[in-house]
Amino acid sequence: MAEVKVRNFRVEGIINKPNWKTKFRKEVRAIRPEDAVEKVLMDLGSKHRVKRCHIKILNVVEVPPEELKDPVLRKVALGET
């Protein structure tokens, strides 16, 4: 069986609701870029009650562990305890 590698992604986009517009940048760990986008959509919908039709994804970039800005994700990616 092939080994599955979890990678780090930075997803950037815009939330464009009728009464609220803002940019966002979120870092997540996922196997594929599509999974990273799905994770961000679920998170924004859950925490901020934003429907998927109001979210526009602009950029999905794979990020090396050393460049992660989220301290918790950085620790997990680098294997520190």
PDB file of N, CA and C in Angstrom:
ATOM      1  N   MET A   1       0.844  -1.185   0.000  1.00  0.00           N
ATOM      2  CA  MET A   1       0.000   0.000   0.000  1.00  0.00           C
ATOM      3  C   MET A   1       0.886   1.244   0.000  1.00  0.00           C
ATOM      4  N   ALA A   2       0.514   2.226  -0.795  1.00  0.00           N
ATOM      5  CA  ALA A   2       1.305   3.456  -0.921  1.00  0.00           C
ATOM      6  C   ALA A   2       1.158   4.308   0.340  1.00  0.00           C
ATOM      7  N   GLU A   3       2.243   4.977   0.685  1.00  0.00           N
ATOM      8  CA  GLU A   3       2.232   5.846   1.860  1.00  0.00           C
ATOM      9  C   GLU A   3       1.530   7.162   1.512  1.00  0.00           C
ATOM     10  N   VAL A   4       0.637   7.608   2.394  1.00  0.00           N
ATOM     11  CA  VAL A   4      -0.092   8.851   2.195  1.00  0.00           C
ATOM     12  C   VAL A   4       0.643   9.958   2.933  1.00  0.00           C
ATOM     13  N   LYS A   5       0.910  11.059   2.232  1.00  0.00           N
ATOM     14  CA  LYS A   5       1.652  12.161   2.821  1.00  0.00           C
ATOM     15  C   LYS A   5       0.715  13.344   3.076  1.00  0.00           C
ATOM     16  N   VAL A   6       0.643  13.781   4.318  1.00  0.00           N
ATOM     17  CA  VAL A   6      -0.166  14.940   4.669  1.00  0.00           C
ATOM     18  C   VAL A   6       0.694  16.185   4.462  1.00  0.00           C
ATOM     19  N   ARG A   7       0.136  17.157   3.738  1.00  0.00           N
ATOM     20  CA  ARG A   7       0.876  18.375   3.423  1.00  0.00           C
ATOM     21  C   ARG A   7       0.184  19.589   4.044  1.00  0.00           C
ATOM     22  N   ASN A   8       0.880  20.701   4.052  1.00  0.00           N
ATOM     23  CA  ASN A   8       0.358  21.945   4.612  1.00  0.00           C
ATOM     24  C   ASN A   8      -0.060  22.865   3.471  1.00  0.00           C
ATOM     25  N   PHE A   9      -1.242  23.461   3.605  1.00  0.00           N
ATOM     26  CA  PHE A   9      -1.746  24.363   2.575  1.00  0.00           C
ATOM     27  C   PHE A   9      -2.178  25.677   3.197  1.00  0.00           C
ATOM     28  N   ARG A  10      -1.994  26.759   2.439  1.00  0.00           N
ATOM     29  CA  ARG A  10      -2.525  28.067   2.815  1.00  0.00           C
ATOM     30  C   ARG A  10      -3.604  28.399   1.790  1.00  0.00           C
ATOM     31  N   VAL A  11      -4.837  28.583   2.271  1.00  0.00           N
ATOM     32  CA  VAL A  11      -5.980  28.877   1.409  1.00  0.00           C
ATOM     33  C   VAL A  11      -6.355  30.343   1.626  1.00  0.00           C
ATOM     34  N   GLU A  12      -6.448  31.099   0.539  1.00  0.00           N
ATOM     35  CA  GLU A  12      -6.810  32.507   0.610  1.00  0.00           C
ATOM     36  C   GLU A  12      -8.073  32.730  -0.204  1.00  0.00           C
ATOM     37  N   GLY A  13      -8.907  33.670   0.266  1.00  0.00           N
ATOM     38  CA  GLY A  13     -10.133  33.941  -0.457  1.00  0.00           C
ATOM     39  C   GLY A  13     -10.858  35.147   0.086  1.00  0.00           C
ATOM     40  N   ILE A  14     -12.111  35.298  -0.369  1.00  0.00           N
ATOM     41  CA  ILE A  14     -12.952  36.430   0.010  1.00  0.00           C
ATOM     42  C   ILE A  14     -14.308  35.900   0.454  1.00  0.00           C
ATOM     43  N   ILE A  15     -14.808  36.456   1.551  1.00  0.00           N
ATOM     44  CA  ILE A  15     -16.194  36.206   1.973  1.00  0.00           C
ATOM     45  C   ILE A  15     -16.981  37.419   1.500  1.00  0.00           C
ATOM     46  N   ASN A  16     -18.013  37.183   0.689  1.00  0.00           N
ATOM     47  CA  ASN A  16     -18.753  38.269   0.075  1.00  0.00           C
ATOM     48  C   ASN A  16     -20.242  38.112   0.374  1.00  0.00           C
ATOM     49  N   LYS A  17     -20.615  38.413   1.627  1.00  0.00           N
ATOM     50  CA  LYS A  17     -22.023  38.379   2.011  1.00  0.00           C
ATOM     51  C   LYS A  17     -22.628  39.755   1.730  1.00  0.00           C
ATOM     52  N   PRO A  18     -23.949  39.867   1.662  1.00  0.00           N
ATOM     53  CA  PRO A  18     -24.561  41.170   1.364  1.00  0.00           C
ATOM     54  C   PRO A  18     -24.178  42.276   2.368  1.00  0.00           C
ATOM     55  N   ASN A  19     -24.054  41.937   3.630  1.00  0.00           N
ATOM     56  CA  ASN A  19     -23.754  42.967   4.630  1.00  0.00           C
ATOM     57  C   ASN A  19     -22.355  42.831   5.240  1.00  0.00           C
ATOM     58  N   TRP A  20     -21.493  41.994   4.655  1.00  0.00           N
ATOM     59  CA  TRP A  20     -20.175  41.739   5.242  1.00  0.00           C
ATOM     60  C   TRP A  20     -19.223  41.225   4.177  1.00  0.00           C
ATOM     61  N   LYS A  21     -18.141  41.965   3.939  1.00  0.00           N
ATOM     62  CA  LYS A  21     -17.127  41.536   2.971  1.00  0.00           C
ATOM     63  C   LYS A  21     -15.774  41.549   3.664  1.00  0.00           C
ATOM     64  N   THR A  22     -15.018  40.481   3.516  1.00  0.00           N
ATOM     65  CA  THR A  22     -13.695  40.421   4.127  1.00  0.00           C
ATOM     66  C   THR A  22     -12.826  39.401   3.410  1.00  0.00           C
ATOM     67  N   LYS A  23     -11.519  39.612   3.484  1.00  0.00           N
ATOM     68  CA  LYS A  23     -10.556  38.647   2.958  1.00  0.00           C
ATOM     69  C   LYS A  23     -10.179  37.692   4.080  1.00  0.00           C
ATOM     70  N   PHE A  24      -9.750  36.506   3.724  1.00  0.00           N
ATOM     71  CA  PHE A  24      -9.290  35.563   4.744  1.00  0.00           C
ATOM     72  C   PHE A  24      -8.103  34.781   4.219  1.00  0.00           C
ATOM     73  N   ARG A  25      -7.318  34.285   5.169  1.00  0.00           N
ATOM     74  CA  ARG A  25      -6.186  33.397   4.889  1.00  0.00           C
ATOM     75  C   ARG A  25      -6.195  32.348   5.988  1.00  0.00           C
ATOM     76  N   LYS A  26      -6.230  31.081   5.594  1.00  0.00           N
ATOM     77  CA  LYS A  26      -6.310  30.002   6.578  1.00  0.00           C
ATOM     78  C   LYS A  26      -5.314  28.915   6.206  1.00  0.00           C
ATOM     79  N   GLU A  27      -4.613  28.402   7.198  1.00  0.00           N
ATOM     80  CA  GLU A  27      -3.664  27.311   6.984  1.00  0.00           C
ATOM     81  C   GLU A  27      -4.263  26.025   7.534  1.00  0.00           C
ATOM     82  N   VAL A  28      -4.188  24.969   6.719  1.00  0.00           N
ATOM     83  CA  VAL A  28      -4.726  23.666   7.109  1.00  0.00           C
ATOM     84  C   VAL A  28      -3.780  22.570   6.651  1.00  0.00           C
ATOM     85  N   ARG A  29      -3.929  21.401   7.261  1.00  0.00           N
ATOM     86  CA  ARG A  29      -3.186  20.204   6.840  1.00  0.00           C
ATOM     87  C   ARG A  29      -4.162  19.294   6.115  1.00  0.00           C
ATOM     88  N   ALA A  30      -3.759  18.841   4.927  1.00  0.00           N
ATOM     89  CA  ALA A  30      -4.612  17.971   4.116  1.00  0.00           C
ATOM     90  C   ALA A  30      -3.734  17.145   3.178  1.00  0.00           C
ATOM     91  N   ILE A  31      -4.364  16.176   2.532  1.00  0.00           N
ATOM     92  CA  ILE A  31      -3.636  15.314   1.606  1.00  0.00           C
ATOM     93  C   ILE A  31      -3.582  15.952   0.217  1.00  0.00           C
ATOM     94  N   ARG A  32      -4.695  16.513  -0.228  1.00  0.00           N
ATOM     95  CA  ARG A  32      -4.765  17.138  -1.556  1.00  0.00           C
ATOM     96  C   ARG A  32      -5.260  18.579  -1.419  1.00  0.00           C
ATOM     97  N   PRO A  33      -5.005  19.430  -2.405  1.00  0.00           N
ATOM     98  CA  PRO A  33      -5.512  20.809  -2.354  1.00  0.00           C
ATOM     99  C   PRO A  33      -7.041  20.865  -2.270  1.00  0.00           C
ATOM    100  N   GLU A  34      -7.723  19.934  -2.935  1.00  0.00           N
ATOM    101  CA  GLU A  34      -9.187  19.901  -2.890  1.00  0.00           C
ATOM    102  C   GLU A  34      -9.681  19.636  -1.470  1.00  0.00           C
ATOM    103  N   ASP A  35      -8.971  18.778  -0.744  1.00  0.00           N
ATOM    104  CA  ASP A  35      -9.330  18.490   0.644  1.00  0.00           C
ATOM    105  C   ASP A  35      -9.119  19.715   1.525  1.00  0.00           C
ATOM    106  N   ALA A  36      -8.067  20.481   1.239  1.00  0.00           N
ATOM    107  CA  ALA A  36      -7.796  21.700   2.004  1.00  0.00           C
ATOM    108  C   ALA A  36      -8.914  22.717   1.806  1.00  0.00           C
ATOM    109  N   VAL A  37      -9.364  22.880   0.574  1.00  0.00           N
ATOM    110  CA  VAL A  37     -10.460  23.808   0.289  1.00  0.00           C
ATOM    111  C   VAL A  37     -11.728  23.358   0.997  1.00  0.00           C
ATOM    112  N   GLU A  38     -12.031  22.078   0.940  1.00  0.00           N
ATOM    113  CA  GLU A  38     -13.219  21.543   1.607  1.00  0.00           C
ATOM    114  C   GLU A  38     -13.165  21.797   3.107  1.00  0.00           C
ATOM    115  N   LYS A  39     -11.998  21.595   3.704  1.00  0.00           N
ATOM    116  CA  LYS A  39     -11.823  21.810   5.141  1.00  0.00           C
ATOM    117  C   LYS A  39     -12.067  23.274   5.515  1.00  0.00           C
ATOM    118  N   VAL A  40     -11.559  24.201   4.691  1.00  0.00           N
ATOM    119  CA  VAL A  40     -11.757  25.629   4.940  1.00  0.00           C
ATOM    120  C   VAL A  40     -13.230  26.005   4.788  1.00  0.00           C
ATOM    121  N   LEU A  41     -13.887  25.482   3.759  1.00  0.00           N
ATOM    122  CA  LEU A  41     -15.307  25.774   3.563  1.00  0.00           C
ATOM    123  C   LEU A  41     -16.139  25.278   4.749  1.00  0.00           C
ATOM    124  N   MET A  42     -15.837  24.089   5.232  1.00  0.00           N
ATOM    125  CA  MET A  42     -16.558  23.546   6.393  1.00  0.00           C
ATOM    126  C   MET A  42     -16.322  24.404   7.627  1.00  0.00           C
ATOM    127  N   ASP A  43     -15.078  24.821   7.833  1.00  0.00           N
ATOM    128  CA  ASP A  43     -14.724  25.610   9.004  1.00  0.00           C
ATOM    129  C   ASP A  43     -15.408  26.976   8.987  1.00  0.00           C
ATOM    130  N   LEU A  44     -15.362  27.669   7.856  1.00  0.00           N
ATOM    131  CA  LEU A  44     -15.992  28.984   7.761  1.00  0.00           C
ATOM    132  C   LEU A  44     -17.513  28.883   7.911  1.00  0.00           C
ATOM    133  N   GLY A  45     -18.097  27.867   7.308  1.00  0.00           N
ATOM    134  CA  GLY A  45     -19.536  27.674   7.439  1.00  0.00           C
ATOM    135  C   GLY A  45     -19.941  27.382   8.865  1.00  0.00           C
ATOM    136  N   SER A  46     -19.125  26.623   9.563  1.00  0.00           N
ATOM    137  CA  SER A  46     -19.437  26.243  10.932  1.00  0.00           C
ATOM    138  C   SER A  46     -19.240  27.398  11.912  1.00  0.00           C
ATOM    139  N   LYS A  47     -18.093  28.064  11.843  1.00  0.00           N
ATOM    140  CA  LYS A  47     -17.771  29.098  12.825  1.00  0.00           C
ATOM    141  C   LYS A  47     -18.423  30.442  12.538  1.00  0.00           C
ATOM    142  N   HIS A  48     -18.592  30.775  11.250  1.00  0.00           N
ATOM    143  CA  HIS A  48     -19.066  32.109  10.894  1.00  0.00           C
ATOM    144  C   HIS A  48     -20.416  32.113  10.186  1.00  0.00           C
ATOM    145  N   ARG A  49     -21.027  30.954  10.036  1.00  0.00           N
ATOM    146  CA  ARG A  49     -22.337  30.832   9.390  1.00  0.00           C
ATOM    147  C   ARG A  49     -22.347  31.430   7.981  1.00  0.00           C
ATOM    148  N   VAL A  50     -21.300  31.120   7.215  1.00  0.00           N
ATOM    149  CA  VAL A  50     -21.178  31.622   5.849  1.00  0.00           C
ATOM    150  C   VAL A  50     -21.541  30.498   4.896  1.00  0.00           C
ATOM    151  N   LYS A  51     -22.453  30.758   3.981  1.00  0.00           N
ATOM    152  CA  LYS A  51     -22.811  29.760   2.985  1.00  0.00           C
ATOM    153  C   LYS A  51     -21.716  29.672   1.926  1.00  0.00           C
ATOM    154  N   ARG A  52     -21.593  28.503   1.322  1.00  0.00           N
ATOM    155  CA  ARG A  52     -20.530  28.274   0.341  1.00  0.00           C
ATOM    156  C   ARG A  52     -20.630  29.216  -0.855  1.00  0.00           C
ATOM    157  N   CYS A  53     -21.847  29.618  -1.219  1.00  0.00           N
ATOM    158  CA  CYS A  53     -22.006  30.506  -2.378  1.00  0.00           C
ATOM    159  C   CYS A  53     -21.451  31.906  -2.097  1.00  0.00           C
ATOM    160  N   HIS A  54     -21.213  32.257  -0.835  1.00  0.00           N
ATOM    161  CA  HIS A  54     -20.655  33.556  -0.469  1.00  0.00           C
ATOM    162  C   HIS A  54     -19.141  33.528  -0.305  1.00  0.00           C
ATOM    163  N   ILE A  55     -18.518  32.363  -0.485  1.00  0.00           N
ATOM    164  CA  ILE A  55     -17.071  32.230  -0.314  1.00  0.00           C
ATOM    165  C   ILE A  55     -16.431  32.025  -1.682  1.00  0.00           C
ATOM    166  N   LYS A  56     -15.422  32.849  -1.977  1.00  0.00           N
ATOM    167  CA  LYS A  56     -14.679  32.704  -3.229  1.00  0.00           C
ATOM    168  C   LYS A  56     -13.231  32.397  -2.876  1.00  0.00           C
ATOM    169  N   ILE A  57     -12.769  31.229  -3.299  1.00  0.00           N
ATOM    170  CA  ILE A  57     -11.384  30.817  -3.055  1.00  0.00           C
ATOM    171  C   ILE A  57     -10.516  31.410  -4.161  1.00  0.00           C
ATOM    172  N   LEU A  58      -9.482  32.158  -3.771  1.00  0.00           N
ATOM    173  CA  LEU A  58      -8.601  32.808  -4.740  1.00  0.00           C
ATOM    174  C   LEU A  58      -7.311  32.030  -4.980  1.00  0.00           C
ATOM    175  N   ASN A  59      -6.801  31.386  -3.925  1.00  0.00           N
ATOM    176  CA  ASN A  59      -5.470  30.803  -4.038  1.00  0.00           C
ATOM    177  C   ASN A  59      -5.317  29.651  -3.051  1.00  0.00           C
ATOM    178  N   VAL A  60      -4.719  28.563  -3.503  1.00  0.00           N
ATOM    179  CA  VAL A  60      -4.362  27.441  -2.636  1.00  0.00           C
ATOM    180  C   VAL A  60      -2.896  27.123  -2.917  1.00  0.00           C
ATOM    181  N   VAL A  61      -2.056  27.257  -1.875  1.00  0.00           N
ATOM    182  CA  VAL A  61      -0.618  27.086  -2.043  1.00  0.00           C
ATOM    183  C   VAL A  61      -0.107  26.091  -1.015  1.00  0.00           C
ATOM    184  N   GLU A  62       0.755  25.174  -1.450  1.00  0.00           N
ATOM    185  CA  GLU A  62       1.412  24.273  -0.500  1.00  0.00           C
ATOM    186  C   GLU A  62       2.532  25.051   0.187  1.00  0.00           C
ATOM    187  N   VAL A  63       2.598  24.936   1.512  1.00  0.00           N
ATOM    188  CA  VAL A  63       3.547  25.709   2.310  1.00  0.00           C
ATOM    189  C   VAL A  63       4.467  24.753   3.062  1.00  0.00           C
ATOM    190  N   PRO A  64       5.774  25.004   3.034  1.00  0.00           N
ATOM    191  CA  PRO A  64       6.675  24.179   3.846  1.00  0.00           C
ATOM    192  C   PRO A  64       6.443  24.435   5.330  1.00  0.00           C
ATOM    193  N   PRO A  65       6.685  23.448   6.186  1.00  0.00           N
ATOM    194  CA  PRO A  65       6.404  23.595   7.627  1.00  0.00           C
ATOM    195  C   PRO A  65       7.097  24.799   8.265  1.00  0.00           C
ATOM    196  N   GLU A  66       8.270  25.167   7.772  1.00  0.00           N
ATOM    197  CA  GLU A  66       9.008  26.280   8.371  1.00  0.00           C
ATOM    198  C   GLU A  66       8.330  27.622   8.128  1.00  0.00           C
ATOM    199  N   GLU A  67       7.478  27.718   7.097  1.00  0.00           N
ATOM    200  CA  GLU A  67       6.835  28.986   6.750  1.00  0.00           C
ATOM    201  C   GLU A  67       5.419  29.120   7.303  1.00  0.00           C
ATOM    202  N   LEU A  68       4.934  28.122   8.037  1.00  0.00           N
ATOM    203  CA  LEU A  68       3.585  28.208   8.615  1.00  0.00           C
ATOM    204  C   LEU A  68       3.533  29.308   9.665  1.00  0.00           C
ATOM    205  N   LYS A  69       2.437  30.088   9.651  1.00  0.00           N
ATOM    206  CA  LYS A  69       2.275  31.167  10.623  1.00  0.00           C
ATOM    207  C   LYS A  69       1.504  30.705  11.867  1.00  0.00           C
ATOM    208  N   ASP A  70       0.650  29.701  11.717  1.00  0.00           N
ATOM    209  CA  ASP A  70      -0.118  29.165  12.839  1.00  0.00           C
ATOM    210  C   ASP A  70       0.815  28.338  13.725  1.00  0.00           C
ATOM    211  N   PRO A  71       1.023  28.760  14.987  1.00  0.00           N
ATOM    212  CA  PRO A  71       1.996  28.070  15.843  1.00  0.00           C
ATOM    213  C   PRO A  71       1.636  26.611  16.137  1.00  0.00           C
ATOM    214  N   VAL A  72       0.360  26.311  16.280  1.00  0.00           N
ATOM    215  CA  VAL A  72      -0.052  24.936  16.562  1.00  0.00           C
ATOM    216  C   VAL A  72       0.212  24.044  15.351  1.00  0.00           C
ATOM    217  N   LEU A  73      -0.184  24.494  14.167  1.00  0.00           N
ATOM    218  CA  LEU A  73       0.062  23.722  12.946  1.00  0.00           C
ATOM    219  C   LEU A  73       1.549  23.549  12.699  1.00  0.00           C
ATOM    220  N   ARG A  74       2.312  24.589  12.955  1.00  0.00           N
ATOM    221  CA  ARG A  74       3.760  24.537  12.749  1.00  0.00           C
ATOM    222  C   ARG A  74       4.391  23.459  13.632  1.00  0.00           C
ATOM    223  N   LYS A  75       3.956  23.412  14.893  1.00  0.00           N
ATOM    224  CA  LYS A  75       4.482  22.416  15.830  1.00  0.00           C
ATOM    225  C   LYS A  75       4.154  21.003  15.361  1.00  0.00           C
ATOM    226  N   VAL A  76       2.908  20.805  14.919  1.00  0.00           N
ATOM    227  CA  VAL A  76       2.481  19.484  14.455  1.00  0.00           C
ATOM    228  C   VAL A  76       3.264  19.089  13.194  1.00  0.00           C
ATOM    229  N   ALA A  77       3.415  20.025  12.271  1.00  0.00           N
ATOM    230  CA  ALA A  77       4.092  19.724  11.001  1.00  0.00           C
ATOM    231  C   ALA A  77       5.575  19.415  11.205  1.00  0.00           C
ATOM    232  N   LEU A  78       6.218  20.091  12.155  1.00  0.00           N
ATOM    233  CA  LEU A  78       7.630  19.857  12.406  1.00  0.00           C
ATOM    234  C   LEU A  78       7.883  18.688  13.344  1.00  0.00           C
ATOM    235  N   GLY A  79       6.803  18.122  13.913  1.00  0.00           N
ATOM    236  CA  GLY A  79       6.941  16.968  14.789  1.00  0.00           C
ATOM    237  C   GLY A  79       7.449  17.297  16.184  1.00  0.00           C
ATOM    238  N   GLU A  80       7.286  18.553  16.602  1.00  0.00           N
ATOM    239  CA  GLU A  80       7.710  18.937  17.952  1.00  0.00           C
ATOM    240  C   GLU A  80       6.627  18.584  18.959  1.00  0.00           C
ATOM    241  N   THR A  81       7.041  18.286  20.172  1.00  0.00           N
ATOM    242  CA  THR A  81       6.062  17.997  21.219  1.00  0.00           C
ATOM    243  C   THR A  81       6.277  18.836  22.437  1.00  0.00           C
TER     244      THR A  81
END
